[in-house]
C-alpha atoms as a PDB file:
ATOM      1  CA  MET A   1      -8.870 -16.274   8.290  1.00  0.00           C
ATOM      2  CA  LYS A   2      -7.138 -12.903   8.445  1.00  0.00           C
ATOM      3  CA  LYS A   3      -6.971 -10.504   5.536  1.00  0.00           C
ATOM      4  CA  PRO A   4      -3.421  -9.876   4.328  1.00  0.00           C
ATOM      5  CA  THR A   5      -1.894  -6.600   5.431  1.00  0.00           C
ATOM      6  CA  ILE A   6      -1.243  -3.751   3.027  1.00  0.00           C
ATOM      7  CA  ALA A   7       2.489  -4.311   3.479  1.00  0.00           C
ATOM      8  CA  LYS A   8       2.199  -7.949   2.383  1.00  0.00           C
ATOM      9  CA  LEU A   9       0.006  -7.016  -0.586  1.00  0.00           C
ATOM     10  CA  VAL A  10       2.528  -4.394  -1.729  1.00  0.00           C
ATOM     11  CA  LYS A  11       5.427  -6.827  -1.304  1.00  0.00           C
ATOM     12  CA  SER A  12       3.658  -9.557  -3.310  1.00  0.00           C
ATOM     13  CA  LYS A  13       2.612  -7.241  -6.182  1.00  0.00           C
ATOM     14  CA  THR A  14       5.854  -5.252  -6.328  1.00  0.00           C
ATOM     15  CA  LYS A  15       9.411  -5.985  -5.336  1.00  0.00           C
ATOM     16  CA  TYR A  16       9.436  -3.179  -2.770  1.00  0.00           C
ATOM     17  CA  ASP A  17       8.655  -3.057   0.922  1.00  0.00           C
ATOM     18  CA  LEU A  18       5.908  -0.678   2.021  1.00  0.00           C
ATOM     19  CA  LYS A  19       8.221   2.163   3.068  1.00  0.00           C
ATOM     20  CA  GLY A  20      10.205   2.096  -0.180  1.00  0.00           C
ATOM     21  CA  TYR A  21       7.060   1.840  -2.277  1.00  0.00           C
ATOM     22  CA  CYS A  22       5.499   4.828  -0.496  1.00  0.00           C
ATOM     23  CA  GLU A  23       8.649   6.917  -0.879  1.00  0.00           C
ATOM     24  CA  MET A  24       8.746   6.113  -4.588  1.00  0.00           C
ATOM     25  CA  ARG A  25       5.040   6.938  -5.084  1.00  0.00           C
ATOM     26  CA  GLY A  26       4.904   9.958  -2.752  1.00  0.00           C
ATOM     27  CA  LEU A  27       2.570   8.410  -0.168  1.00  0.00           C
ATOM     28  CA  SER A  28       2.600   8.452   3.628  1.00  0.00           C
ATOM     29  CA  HIS A  29       3.795   5.065   4.842  1.00  0.00           C
ATOM     30  CA  LEU A  30       2.913   5.793   8.472  1.00  0.00           C
ATOM     31  CA  SER A  31      -0.776   6.230   7.694  1.00  0.00           C
ATOM     32  CA  LEU A  32      -0.777   2.978   5.699  1.00  0.00           C
ATOM     33  CA  TYR A  33       0.925   1.155   8.583  1.00  0.00           C
ATOM     34  CA  LYS A  34      -1.837   2.408  10.885  1.00  0.00           C
ATOM     35  CA  GLY A  35      -4.537   1.327   8.437  1.00  0.00           C
ATOM     36  CA  TYR A  36      -5.682   4.670   7.019  1.00  0.00           C
ATOM     37  CA  VAL A  37      -5.897   4.727   3.216  1.00  0.00           C
ATOM     38  CA  ALA A  38      -6.403   8.176   1.671  1.00  0.00           C
ATOM     39  CA  LYS A  39      -8.107   8.684  -1.700  1.00  0.00           C
ATOM     40  CA  LYS A  40      -4.765   9.460  -3.346  1.00  0.00           C
ATOM     41  CA  ALA A  41      -3.182   6.345  -1.850  1.00  0.00           C
ATOM     42  CA  ARG A  42      -6.138   4.188  -2.923  1.00  0.00           C
ATOM     43  CA  LYS A  43      -5.820   5.418  -6.524  1.00  0.00           C
ATOM     44  CA  VAL A  44      -2.078   4.758  -6.603  1.00  0.00           C
ATOM     45  CA  LEU A  45      -2.443   1.290  -5.064  1.00  0.00           C
ATOM     46  CA  GLU A  46      -5.266   0.301  -7.420  1.00  0.00           C
ATOM     47  CA  ARG A  47      -3.274   1.544 -10.408  1.00  0.00           C
ATOM     48  CA  ASP A  48      -0.574  -0.962  -9.418  1.00  0.00           C
ATOM     49  CA  GLY A  49      -3.100  -3.785  -9.025  1.00  0.00           C
ATOM     50  CA  ILE A  50      -3.358  -3.751  -5.225  1.00  0.00           C
ATOM     51  CA  LYS A  51      -6.960  -3.933  -4.007  1.00  0.00           C
ATOM     52  CA  VAL A  52      -7.727  -2.266  -0.693  1.00  0.00           C
ATOM     53  CA  ALA A  53     -11.073  -2.184   1.103  1.00  0.00           C
END
């Protein structure tokens, strides 16, 4: 069983796609697409209830 992608987690928790969410929160969507999650991005995602590894 595959883990859901960050894009799917963001879409299910918020009404935004990953690019729109990142623009709104000031994050780099390209790094998230590639799988890199910075400390700042992790804090923002966890604040919105999105758990990342």
